[in-house]
Amino acid sequence: MRKEHLQYLACPDCKAELSLAIEEEQEGRVKTGELSCAACKLRFPVIGFIPRFVKEGHYADSFGFQWFRHAKTQLDSVIGLPISKQRFFKVTRWGEDLTGEVILEVGCGAGRFTEVIAATGAMVVSFDASRGVEVNYESNGWRDNLMLVQAELERMPFPPAFFDRAVSLGVLQHTADPHRSFLAIAFLVKKGGSFAVDVYKKSLARRLLSAKYWVRPLTARMNPTVLYTLTRAWVSFWWQPTSIIARFPQGRRINRFLFFIADYRGYLPLPAAQLKEWAVLDNFDMLSPRYDNPTTAFEVRGWFEEAGFQDVDADDEDNIVEGRGVRSALSGKAR
């Protein structure tokens, strides 16, 4: 972080301003130091240029594990295709020049969307509960318009009604209570500000037919190293046999539901080796999280309206629900 980034932070408990004591600084960035709240007497370290508000043993630790092993797998700047960029602007419907705005990215992971948001010229405050923020810093920490924070969604260290925009892609379903998590984020968006999300789609058929739900009661409790080893072995074993199924119109869907192979063959224009890495990453991502709570477009629309948003649009496509809206009032349960 930089000293001037202090304005984007607040005590996660009482929302009071924080003070910063710098221990080591490099090229205008605070490498180590301590943040403190005079009201609560709480203290939070800055380690490796990143403010830390998370205790060890958080349920998001498995995500940190996967991002250290797939730091570059999904970055547009590495694969040379605008896959993340296209998804980001499809969901948000925002313009590509957001200079002068301050945007909150909820659940940044390794930074696949961070680099897209930062390219708009906005000031980006991006956080994740896992150590994936360290991987993100390795890829994007050089950007002057980016502040990375390690923090819990359930206890976010940001001022209320502060951000011009907020975005959360692929995150809410992995929290204990997506509805409550949504409202907590909405509380941070200022009046007139925009909020966009996507989340897994809920359906009875998907719950009954998707093989991942048959095994998650076991895999979500496994040691990440063991699960990752088994996941890579599973994908490698089935990769060639399922390639035949993948050629059919519904082949990818069959492979995902019956063999829990996250199959992007014929969908993403990537080399075979990269497609396999995406499969390993997404398979682990399906099986390892403690929580998997999909929702419906109807529910997402209701969350936006409850939080005082207008121009609400929520729809579903394939296995994803997308939602977006503009904050019209600082009211509702999100207050």
Protein backbone atom coordinates (compact mmCIF):
# COMPACT_ATOMS: atom_id res chain seq x y z
CA MET A 1 0.00 0.00 0.00
CA ARG A 2 0.91 3.65 -0.23
CA LYS A 3 0.47 6.19 2.55
CA GLU A 4 -2.28 7.94 0.59
CA HIS A 5 -4.21 4.64 0.45
CA LEU A 6 -5.11 5.04 4.11
CA GLN A 7 -8.20 7.00 3.03
CA TYR A 8 -9.68 3.81 1.57
CA LEU A 9 -9.53 1.90 4.86
CA ALA A 10 -11.56 1.94 8.07
CA CYS A 11 -11.64 -0.17 11.20
CA PRO A 12 -13.48 -3.41 10.34
CA ASP A 13 -15.30 -3.31 13.69
CA CYS A 14 -16.28 0.30 14.39
CA LYS A 15 -15.56 1.92 10.97
CA ALA A 16 -13.38 4.61 12.56
CA GLU A 17 -10.36 5.99 10.71
CA LEU A 18 -7.10 4.05 10.98
CA SER A 19 -3.63 5.41 11.59
CA LEU A 20 -0.48 4.03 9.98
CA ALA A 21 2.94 3.45 11.50
CA ILE A 22 5.53 2.65 8.81
CA GLU A 23 8.36 0.23 9.54
CA GLU A 24 9.80 -0.25 6.05
CA GLU A 25 9.07 1.60 2.83
CA GLN A 26 10.25 0.85 -0.73
CA GLU A 27 9.79 3.16 -3.71
CA GLY A 28 6.89 4.97 -2.09
CA ARG A 29 5.13 1.78 -1.00
CA VAL A 30 4.71 0.62 2.60
CA LYS A 31 6.26 -2.84 2.79
CA THR A 32 5.80 -3.42 6.52
CA GLY A 33 4.02 -1.45 9.19
CA GLU A 34 1.01 -1.39 11.44
CA LEU A 35 -2.50 -0.01 11.17
CA SER A 36 -4.31 0.89 14.38
CA CYS A 37 -7.73 2.06 15.49
CA ALA A 38 -7.72 4.60 18.34
CA ALA A 39 -11.37 3.83 19.15
CA CYS A 40 -11.17 0.01 19.31
CA LYS A 41 -7.48 -0.25 20.17
CA LEU A 42 -7.18 -2.89 17.45
CA ARG A 43 -3.99 -3.33 15.44
CA PHE A 44 -3.47 -4.81 12.02
CA PRO A 45 -0.14 -5.53 10.31
CA VAL A 46 1.04 -4.51 6.87
CA ILE A 47 3.11 -7.42 5.53
CA GLY A 48 4.60 -7.64 2.05
CA PHE A 49 2.99 -4.31 1.00
CA ILE A 50 -0.49 -5.66 1.89
CA PRO A 51 -2.66 -4.65 4.88
CA ARG A 52 -3.79 -7.81 6.68
CA PHE A 53 -7.13 -8.10 8.49
CA VAL A 54 -7.52 -11.90 8.42
CA LYS A 55 -6.62 -14.39 11.13
CA GLU A 56 -5.12 -17.76 10.27
CA GLY A 57 -7.45 -20.65 9.58
CA HIS A 58 -10.04 -18.83 7.46
CA TYR A 59 -12.44 -20.92 5.37
CA ALA A 60 -11.04 -19.29 2.20
CA ASP A 61 -7.59 -20.83 2.72
CA SER A 62 -8.20 -23.43 -0.03
CA PHE A 63 -8.50 -20.59 -2.54
CA GLY A 64 -5.10 -19.27 -1.55
CA PHE A 65 -3.73 -22.78 -2.10
CA GLN A 66 -5.12 -22.94 -5.64
CA TRP A 67 -3.96 -19.47 -6.63
CA PHE A 68 -0.37 -20.20 -5.64
CA ARG A 69 -0.48 -23.15 -8.03
CA HIS A 70 -2.35 -21.35 -10.80
CA ALA A 71 -1.04 -17.81 -10.46
CA LYS A 72 -1.09 -17.11 -14.21
CA THR A 73 -3.56 -19.67 -15.57
CA GLN A 74 -6.46 -17.25 -16.09
CA LEU A 75 -4.69 -13.94 -16.69
CA ASP A 76 -5.59 -12.38 -20.04
CA SER A 77 -2.13 -10.78 -20.17
CA VAL A 78 -0.55 -14.24 -20.06
CA ILE A 79 -2.85 -16.31 -22.25
CA GLY A 80 -3.18 -13.55 -24.84
CA LEU A 81 -6.99 -13.67 -25.04
CA PRO A 82 -9.58 -11.27 -23.52
CA ILE A 83 -11.51 -14.03 -21.72
CA SER A 84 -11.66 -12.31 -18.34
CA LYS A 85 -12.17 -8.90 -19.94
CA GLN A 86 -15.18 -10.12 -21.90
CA ARG A 87 -16.76 -11.71 -18.84
CA PHE A 88 -16.16 -8.60 -16.72
CA PHE A 89 -17.80 -6.16 -19.13
CA LYS A 90 -20.60 -8.59 -20.00
CA VAL A 91 -21.61 -8.82 -16.33
CA THR A 92 -21.05 -5.19 -15.32
CA ARG A 93 -22.00 -3.42 -18.57
CA TRP A 94 -19.70 -0.61 -17.50
CA GLY A 95 -17.69 1.60 -19.81
CA GLU A 96 -14.01 0.92 -20.40
CA ASP A 97 -12.88 4.37 -19.21
CA LEU A 98 -13.64 4.82 -15.50
CA THR A 99 -10.89 7.32 -14.73
CA GLY A 100 -11.53 9.26 -11.53
CA GLU A 101 -13.71 6.60 -9.92
CA VAL A 102 -12.92 4.33 -6.97
CA ILE A 103 -13.91 0.68 -7.48
CA LEU A 104 -14.09 -2.10 -4.90
CA GLU A 105 -13.27 -5.60 -6.16
CA VAL A 106 -14.58 -8.28 -3.80
CA GLY A 107 -12.66 -11.56 -3.92
CA CYS A 108 -9.77 -10.84 -6.27
CA GLY A 109 -8.04 -14.23 -6.20
CA ALA A 110 -4.96 -14.25 -8.41
CA GLY A 111 -6.06 -11.05 -10.15
CA ARG A 112 -7.69 -12.16 -13.42
CA PHE A 113 -10.24 -9.33 -13.14
CA THR A 114 -7.98 -6.97 -11.20
CA GLU A 115 -5.87 -6.26 -14.27
CA VAL A 116 -9.01 -5.66 -16.32
CA ILE A 117 -10.49 -3.19 -13.80
CA ALA A 118 -7.18 -1.36 -13.34
CA ALA A 119 -6.94 -0.90 -17.11
CA THR A 120 -10.08 1.29 -16.97
CA GLY A 121 -8.03 4.00 -15.20
CA ALA A 122 -10.08 3.80 -11.99
CA MET A 123 -8.53 3.53 -8.54
CA VAL A 124 -9.04 -0.12 -7.60
CA VAL A 125 -9.30 -1.36 -4.02
CA SER A 126 -9.14 -5.12 -4.34
CA PHE A 127 -9.33 -7.66 -1.53
CA ASP A 128 -9.48 -11.35 -0.82
CA ALA A 129 -9.65 -13.38 2.38
CA SER A 130 -6.99 -15.79 1.13
CA ARG A 131 -3.29 -15.39 0.49
CA GLY A 132 -4.22 -15.14 -3.17
CA VAL A 133 -3.64 -11.40 -2.68
CA GLU A 134 0.09 -12.17 -2.60
CA VAL A 135 -0.13 -13.86 -5.98
CA ASN A 136 -2.15 -10.91 -7.25
CA TYR A 137 0.51 -8.53 -5.96
CA GLU A 138 3.20 -10.38 -7.92
CA SER A 139 1.23 -9.79 -11.12
CA ASN A 140 -0.36 -6.40 -10.48
CA GLY A 141 1.36 -4.78 -7.50
CA TRP A 142 3.31 -2.44 -9.77
CA ARG A 143 0.13 -0.57 -10.71
CA ASP A 144 -0.14 2.87 -9.09
CA ASN A 145 -3.96 2.74 -9.21
CA LEU A 146 -4.26 -0.48 -7.20
CA MET A 147 -4.44 -1.21 -3.49
CA LEU A 148 -4.53 -4.85 -2.40
CA VAL A 149 -5.93 -5.86 0.98
CA GLN A 150 -6.30 -9.22 2.72
CA ALA A 151 -9.64 -9.09 4.50
CA GLU A 152 -12.77 -11.11 5.20
CA LEU A 153 -15.98 -10.32 3.37
CA GLU A 154 -17.77 -10.75 6.69
CA ARG A 155 -15.57 -8.08 8.29
CA MET A 156 -14.53 -5.63 5.59
CA PRO A 157 -12.19 -2.75 6.56
CA PHE A 158 -13.70 -0.04 4.37
CA PRO A 159 -15.72 3.14 4.96
CA PRO A 160 -19.50 2.86 4.47
CA ALA A 161 -21.13 4.32 1.33
CA PHE A 162 -17.70 5.16 -0.04
CA PHE A 163 -17.16 3.45 -3.41
CA ASP A 164 -18.34 4.58 -6.83
CA ARG A 165 -18.66 0.99 -7.95
CA ALA A 166 -18.33 -2.52 -6.53
CA VAL A 167 -18.01 -5.84 -8.30
CA SER A 168 -17.99 -9.44 -7.11
CA LEU A 169 -17.55 -12.22 -9.66
CA GLY A 170 -17.71 -15.87 -8.63
CA VAL A 171 -17.50 -15.14 -4.91
CA LEU A 172 -20.86 -14.90 -3.13
CA GLN A 173 -21.73 -18.58 -3.50
CA HIS A 174 -18.62 -19.45 -1.51
CA THR A 175 -19.74 -17.56 1.59
CA ALA A 176 -21.81 -18.95 4.45
CA ASP A 177 -24.71 -16.58 3.68
CA PRO A 178 -24.68 -15.05 0.15
CA HIS A 179 -27.63 -12.79 0.94
CA ARG A 180 -25.94 -11.30 3.98
CA SER A 181 -22.65 -11.00 2.09
CA PHE A 182 -24.38 -9.16 -0.74
CA LEU A 183 -25.93 -6.63 1.62
CA ALA A 184 -22.60 -6.05 3.35
CA ILE A 185 -21.00 -5.13 0.01
CA ALA A 186 -23.99 -3.00 -1.02
CA PHE A 187 -23.54 -0.99 2.18
CA LEU A 188 -20.15 0.17 0.86
CA VAL A 189 -21.51 1.61 -2.42
CA LYS A 190 -22.35 5.32 -2.38
CA LYS A 191 -25.66 6.76 -3.56
CA GLY A 192 -25.65 6.74 -7.36
CA GLY A 193 -22.97 4.06 -7.40
CA SER A 194 -23.10 0.79 -9.33
CA PHE A 195 -22.84 -2.79 -8.12
CA ALA A 196 -22.49 -5.92 -10.28
CA VAL A 197 -22.28 -9.59 -9.31
CA ASP A 198 -22.37 -13.05 -10.72
CA VAL A 199 -23.07 -16.18 -8.70
CA TYR A 200 -23.77 -19.88 -9.31
CA LYS A 201 -27.30 -20.60 -10.51
CA LYS A 202 -29.54 -22.68 -8.24
CA SER A 203 -31.79 -25.39 -9.62
CA LEU A 204 -33.04 -28.72 -8.30
CA ALA A 205 -31.89 -30.58 -11.41
CA ARG A 206 -28.39 -29.14 -11.08
CA ARG A 207 -28.24 -30.12 -7.43
CA LEU A 208 -29.35 -33.69 -8.16
CA LEU A 209 -27.46 -34.32 -11.39
CA SER A 210 -24.15 -32.54 -10.83
CA ALA A 211 -21.56 -35.05 -9.63
CA LYS A 212 -19.72 -32.41 -7.61
CA TYR A 213 -22.55 -32.32 -5.07
CA TRP A 214 -22.26 -36.07 -4.58
CA VAL A 215 -18.64 -35.85 -3.47
CA ARG A 216 -18.39 -32.39 -1.89
CA PRO A 217 -19.37 -33.62 1.61
CA LEU A 218 -16.06 -35.49 1.53
CA THR A 219 -13.80 -33.29 -0.60
CA ALA A 220 -14.64 -30.00 1.17
CA ARG A 221 -13.14 -31.49 4.33
CA MET A 222 -9.99 -32.88 2.75
CA ASN A 223 -6.48 -31.53 3.12
CA PRO A 224 -5.96 -29.17 0.13
CA THR A 225 -2.66 -30.79 -0.88
CA VAL A 226 -4.21 -34.26 -0.95
CA LEU A 227 -7.32 -33.05 -2.77
CA TYR A 228 -5.30 -31.14 -5.35
CA THR A 229 -3.14 -34.20 -6.06
CA LEU A 230 -6.23 -36.37 -6.50
CA THR A 231 -7.93 -33.71 -8.64
CA ARG A 232 -4.99 -33.45 -11.04
CA ALA A 233 -4.80 -37.25 -11.26
CA TRP A 234 -8.56 -37.48 -11.92
CA VAL A 235 -8.49 -34.89 -14.71
CA SER A 236 -5.43 -36.52 -16.29
CA PHE A 237 -7.07 -39.97 -16.19
CA TRP A 238 -10.33 -38.85 -17.83
CA TRP A 239 -8.93 -36.18 -20.16
CA GLN A 240 -8.56 -38.34 -23.25
CA PRO A 241 -11.70 -40.51 -22.77
CA THR A 242 -13.89 -37.44 -22.26
CA SER A 243 -12.42 -35.73 -25.33
CA ILE A 244 -14.74 -37.89 -27.42
CA ILE A 245 -17.80 -36.75 -25.49
CA ALA A 246 -16.63 -33.13 -25.69
CA ARG A 247 -17.08 -33.17 -29.47
CA PHE A 248 -20.87 -33.46 -29.17
CA PRO A 249 -23.13 -30.36 -28.74
CA GLN A 250 -23.86 -31.13 -25.06
CA GLY A 251 -20.58 -32.89 -24.45
CA ARG A 252 -19.09 -30.25 -22.18
CA ARG A 253 -22.19 -30.29 -20.01
CA ILE A 254 -22.12 -34.08 -19.76
CA ASN A 255 -18.45 -34.08 -18.81
CA ARG A 256 -19.05 -31.50 -16.10
CA PHE A 257 -22.11 -33.14 -14.57
CA LEU A 258 -21.21 -36.82 -14.83
CA PHE A 259 -17.41 -36.83 -14.69
CA PHE A 260 -16.94 -33.47 -12.90
CA ILE A 261 -14.47 -32.41 -15.53
CA ALA A 262 -14.58 -28.62 -16.02
CA ASP A 263 -14.39 -28.96 -19.77
CA TYR A 264 -13.78 -25.88 -21.93
CA ARG A 265 -12.81 -27.73 -25.10
CA GLY A 266 -14.63 -26.19 -28.05
CA TYR A 267 -15.62 -23.22 -25.87
CA LEU A 268 -12.38 -21.41 -25.10
CA PRO A 269 -9.87 -21.01 -27.95
CA LEU A 270 -6.91 -22.16 -25.88
CA PRO A 271 -4.18 -24.74 -26.56
CA ALA A 272 -4.84 -28.23 -25.19
CA ALA A 273 -2.32 -27.88 -22.36
CA GLN A 274 -3.95 -24.65 -21.13
CA LEU A 275 -7.43 -26.14 -21.37
CA LYS A 276 -6.29 -28.97 -19.14
CA GLU A 277 -4.85 -26.53 -16.59
CA TRP A 278 -8.18 -24.65 -16.55
CA ALA A 279 -9.89 -27.99 -15.94
CA VAL A 280 -7.62 -28.84 -13.00
CA LEU A 281 -8.06 -25.37 -11.50
CA ASP A 282 -11.84 -25.29 -11.88
CA ASN A 283 -12.26 -28.87 -10.67
CA PHE A 284 -10.36 -28.06 -7.50
CA ASP A 285 -12.38 -24.85 -7.22
CA MET A 286 -15.60 -26.88 -7.39
CA LEU A 287 -14.58 -29.50 -4.85
CA SER A 288 -12.53 -27.67 -2.22
CA PRO A 289 -14.58 -24.66 -0.93
CA ARG A 290 -16.32 -25.08 2.40
CA TYR A 291 -19.45 -23.39 1.04
CA ASP A 292 -21.30 -23.79 -2.26
CA ASN A 293 -24.55 -21.82 -2.07
CA PRO A 294 -26.04 -21.07 -5.49
CA THR A 295 -29.03 -18.77 -5.92
CA THR A 296 -31.65 -17.70 -8.44
CA ALA A 297 -32.10 -14.59 -10.55
CA PHE A 298 -35.30 -13.86 -8.62
CA GLU A 299 -33.41 -13.88 -5.32
CA VAL A 300 -30.59 -11.70 -6.65
CA ARG A 301 -33.09 -9.16 -7.94
CA GLY A 302 -34.70 -9.10 -4.51
CA TRP A 303 -31.33 -8.47 -2.82
CA PHE A 304 -30.70 -5.43 -5.01
CA GLU A 305 -34.13 -4.00 -4.31
CA GLU A 306 -33.80 -4.66 -0.58
CA ALA A 307 -30.51 -2.73 -0.56
CA GLY A 308 -32.07 0.34 -2.18
CA PHE A 309 -30.93 -0.15 -5.78
CA GLN A 310 -32.78 0.85 -8.93
CA ASP A 311 -32.35 -0.03 -12.62
CA VAL A 312 -31.96 -3.59 -11.37
CA ASP A 313 -31.32 -6.29 -13.93
CA ALA A 314 -30.85 -9.94 -12.99
CA ASP A 315 -30.77 -12.84 -15.40
CA ASP A 316 -29.30 -16.29 -15.70
CA GLU A 317 -27.31 -17.92 -18.45
CA ASP A 318 -26.22 -21.55 -18.38
CA ASN A 319 -25.03 -22.06 -14.78
CA ILE A 320 -24.50 -18.40 -13.79
CA VAL A 321 -26.80 -15.67 -12.46
CA GLU A 322 -25.76 -12.12 -13.31
CA GLY A 323 -27.08 -9.05 -11.52
CA ARG A 324 -26.47 -5.31 -11.59
CA GLY A 325 -28.04 -2.12 -10.28
CA VAL A 326 -27.54 1.51 -9.21
CA ARG A 327 -27.80 2.60 -5.58
CA SER A 328 -30.71 5.00 -5.32
CA ALA A 329 -30.87 5.40 -1.54
CA LEU A 330 -28.84 4.66 1.57
CA SER A 331 -31.67 2.65 3.02
CA GLY A 332 -32.95 -0.85 3.49
CA LYS A 333 -31.30 -3.62 5.49
CA ALA A 334 -27.92 -2.83 3.89
CA ARG A 335 -27.75 0.36 5.89
